[in-house]
Protein backbone atom coordinates (compact mmCIF):
# COMPACT_ATOMS: atom_id res chain seq x y z
CA MET A 1 -71.44 3.12 21.78
CA GLU A 2 -74.05 6.10 22.86
CA LYS A 3 -77.44 4.98 25.54
CA GLU A 4 -79.89 6.01 22.80
CA ASN A 5 -78.29 3.39 19.97
CA SER A 6 -76.89 0.87 21.55
CA ASP A 7 -80.85 0.81 21.90
CA GLU A 8 -81.76 1.33 18.99
CA PHE A 9 -78.91 -1.20 18.27
CA TYR A 10 -80.79 -4.25 20.46
CA ALA A 11 -83.92 -3.60 19.41
CA ARG A 12 -83.31 -4.91 15.85
CA LEU A 13 -81.21 -7.53 17.43
CA ARG A 14 -83.86 -8.89 18.69
CA GLU A 15 -86.27 -8.71 15.67
CA GLN A 16 -83.47 -9.80 13.45
CA LEU A 17 -83.08 -13.10 16.46
CA LEU A 18 -87.12 -13.30 16.43
CA GLU A 19 -87.38 -13.44 13.11
CA ASN A 20 -84.94 -15.70 12.29
CA THR A 21 -83.70 -18.23 14.72
CA THR A 22 -85.99 -21.03 16.08
CA TRP A 23 -86.26 -20.56 20.27
CA PRO A 24 -84.07 -22.18 21.96
CA SER A 25 -80.91 -22.11 20.03
CA ASP A 26 -77.84 -22.12 19.69
CA TYR A 27 -76.04 -19.10 19.58
CA LEU A 28 -72.08 -17.84 18.31
CA TYR A 29 -70.63 -14.80 20.13
CA LYS A 30 -67.74 -12.78 18.68
CA PHE A 31 -65.84 -10.66 21.07
CA ILE A 32 -62.16 -9.07 20.43
CA VAL A 33 -60.46 -8.21 23.27
CA PRO A 34 -56.86 -6.61 23.36
CA THR A 35 -54.65 -9.48 25.23
CA ASP A 36 -54.80 -9.43 29.04
CA GLU A 37 -55.52 -12.44 30.96
CA LYS A 38 -58.20 -10.06 33.29
CA ARG A 39 -60.27 -8.83 30.64
CA ILE A 40 -59.81 -12.79 28.89
CA ALA A 41 -61.05 -13.99 31.94
CA GLN A 42 -64.36 -10.91 32.76
CA ILE A 43 -65.82 -12.66 28.96
CA ASN A 44 -65.24 -16.12 29.82
CA ASN A 45 -67.04 -15.57 33.94
CA ILE A 46 -69.82 -13.83 32.10
CA PHE A 47 -70.44 -17.80 30.28
CA ASP A 48 -69.49 -19.53 33.58
CA ASN A 49 -72.11 -21.93 34.64
CA THR A 50 -73.21 -21.52 30.81
CA GLY A 51 -72.75 -24.80 29.13
CA ALA A 52 -70.64 -22.69 26.74
CA VAL A 53 -68.09 -23.79 24.60
CA ILE A 54 -65.06 -20.99 24.23
CA GLU A 55 -62.72 -21.19 21.47
CA SER A 56 -59.73 -18.18 21.90
CA LYS A 57 -56.91 -17.06 19.51
CA LYS A 58 -54.21 -14.72 19.70
CA SER A 59 -53.87 -12.44 16.81
CA LYS A 60 -49.96 -12.94 15.10
CA LYS A 61 -48.51 -9.65 17.16
CA GLY A 62 -50.58 -10.98 20.20
CA THR A 63 -52.18 -7.44 20.67
CA TYR A 64 -55.72 -8.76 20.53
CA THR A 65 -56.84 -11.87 20.99
CA SER A 66 -60.40 -13.15 19.56
CA ILE A 67 -63.13 -14.87 21.40
CA SER A 68 -65.95 -16.89 20.26
CA ILE A 69 -68.13 -18.43 22.54
CA THR A 70 -71.18 -20.83 21.22
CA VAL A 71 -73.89 -21.13 24.05
CA HIS A 72 -77.79 -22.96 24.20
CA LEU A 73 -80.03 -20.32 24.68
CA ASN A 74 -84.09 -19.90 25.48
CA ASP A 75 -84.83 -16.13 23.56
CA PRO A 76 -83.28 -13.07 22.34
CA ASP A 77 -83.42 -11.19 25.29
CA GLU A 78 -80.63 -13.82 26.72
CA VAL A 79 -78.70 -13.13 24.08
CA ILE A 80 -79.18 -9.16 24.31
CA ALA A 81 -78.74 -9.59 27.58
CA LYS A 82 -74.38 -11.50 28.03
CA TYR A 83 -74.25 -8.57 24.68
CA LYS A 84 -74.80 -6.18 28.09
CA GLU A 85 -71.89 -8.08 29.96
CA ALA A 86 -69.63 -8.04 28.02
CA ALA A 87 -69.50 -4.56 26.98
CA LEU A 88 -68.95 -3.28 30.23
CA VAL A 89 -65.18 -4.82 29.66
CA GLU A 90 -63.03 -2.54 28.92
CA GLY A 91 -61.27 -2.37 25.25
CA VAL A 92 -64.11 -5.14 24.43
CA ILE A 93 -65.06 -5.27 20.38
CA SER A 94 -68.42 -7.61 19.56
CA LEU A 95 -69.04 -8.58 16.79
């Protein structure tokens, strides 16, 4: 994602989260990563020590792994910070 587009995306996301959610709140992240233990561990480590509930499931062919993470956060800025960390993992797709 280009820097300008990602800034716009995060600004819109922040507005939507402020309008539609009462904070603090549980937030559900969904990521798809190529099935690779290192990349899956990178995503898991982002949420280490947060009390997050993490579920992962491999695709039918085992090429990709979907990761669902539910975590209690204080505000939209925390949500966005985790998305930005996850964006650094090679091949990750945020849903």
